[in-house]
Amino acid sequence: MEKEEQMERIAETKQSINDLFIEQGLTYGEVKRVLWQLMHEFKRKEEKYLDGSSIQVLEKIN
C-alpha cells in the first residue's frame, strides 16, 4: 500500500470515528476513556500474538 493511500485511509478512519463519537453524544472525557481502552486492548492482543509467535519460533528451533 502506498504511503498516500495509507494516509488517506487513516484520515477517512479518523473522520468515521469522530462522526461516531458525535452521533453518540460522548463528552471529551468519555472519548478519551474509550480511545484509551481500545488502545490498551489492541496492545494486549498484539503482545499476546507476539508472545505466541515467539513460542512457535522457539518450538521450531528446538
Protein backbone atom coordinates (compact mmCIF):
# COMPACT_ATOMS: atom_id res chain seq x y z
CA MET A 1 0.00 0.00 0.00
CA GLU A 2 1.39 3.38 -0.97
CA LYS A 3 2.06 5.98 1.68
CA GLU A 4 -0.53 8.34 0.16
CA GLU A 5 -3.21 5.64 0.16
CA GLN A 6 -2.36 4.75 3.73
CA MET A 7 -2.63 8.38 4.85
CA GLU A 8 -5.97 8.73 3.06
CA ARG A 9 -7.25 5.56 4.74
CA ILE A 10 -6.16 6.86 8.14
CA ALA A 11 -7.86 10.23 7.53
CA GLU A 12 -11.11 8.50 6.50
CA THR A 13 -10.98 6.25 9.54
CA LYS A 14 -10.39 9.20 11.86
CA GLN A 15 -13.34 11.04 10.36
CA SER A 16 -15.60 7.98 10.72
CA ILE A 17 -14.61 7.55 14.35
CA ASN A 18 -15.13 11.26 15.01
CA ASP A 19 -18.59 11.10 13.41
CA LEU A 20 -19.47 8.08 15.55
CA PHE A 21 -18.45 9.86 18.77
CA ILE A 22 -20.53 12.89 17.78
CA GLU A 23 -23.54 10.70 16.94
CA GLN A 24 -23.28 9.05 20.35
CA GLY A 25 -23.06 12.43 22.08
CA LEU A 26 -19.94 11.48 24.01
CA THR A 27 -18.08 14.04 26.09
CA TYR A 28 -14.37 14.68 25.70
CA GLY A 29 -13.66 12.61 28.81
CA GLU A 30 -15.74 9.69 27.53
CA VAL A 31 -13.98 9.79 24.17
CA LYS A 32 -10.59 9.78 25.91
CA ARG A 33 -11.64 6.81 28.03
CA VAL A 34 -12.92 4.85 25.02
CA LEU A 35 -9.78 5.52 22.99
CA TRP A 36 -7.52 4.63 25.93
CA GLN A 37 -9.36 1.35 26.47
CA LEU A 38 -9.24 0.48 22.76
CA MET A 39 -5.51 1.21 22.57
CA HIS A 40 -4.74 -0.97 25.57
CA GLU A 41 -6.96 -3.82 24.35
CA PHE A 42 -5.22 -3.69 20.98
CA LYS A 43 -1.81 -3.60 22.68
CA ARG A 44 -2.66 -6.66 24.80
CA LYS A 45 -3.87 -8.58 21.75
CA GLU A 46 -0.74 -7.62 19.85
CA GLU A 47 1.51 -8.63 22.76
CA LYS A 48 -0.36 -11.92 23.11
CA TYR A 49 0.08 -12.57 19.39
CA LEU A 50 3.77 -11.67 19.53
CA ASP A 51 4.30 -13.85 22.61
CA GLY A 52 2.59 -16.73 20.82
CA SER A 53 4.73 -16.17 17.74
CA SER A 54 7.89 -16.22 19.82
CA ILE A 55 6.89 -19.52 21.38
CA GLN A 56 6.17 -21.01 17.96
CA VAL A 57 9.57 -19.85 16.67
CA LEU A 58 11.31 -21.34 19.71
CA GLU A 59 9.44 -24.62 19.25
CA LYS A 60 10.55 -24.77 15.62
CA ILE A 61 14.15 -24.07 16.58
CA ASN A 62 14.14 -26.83 19.19
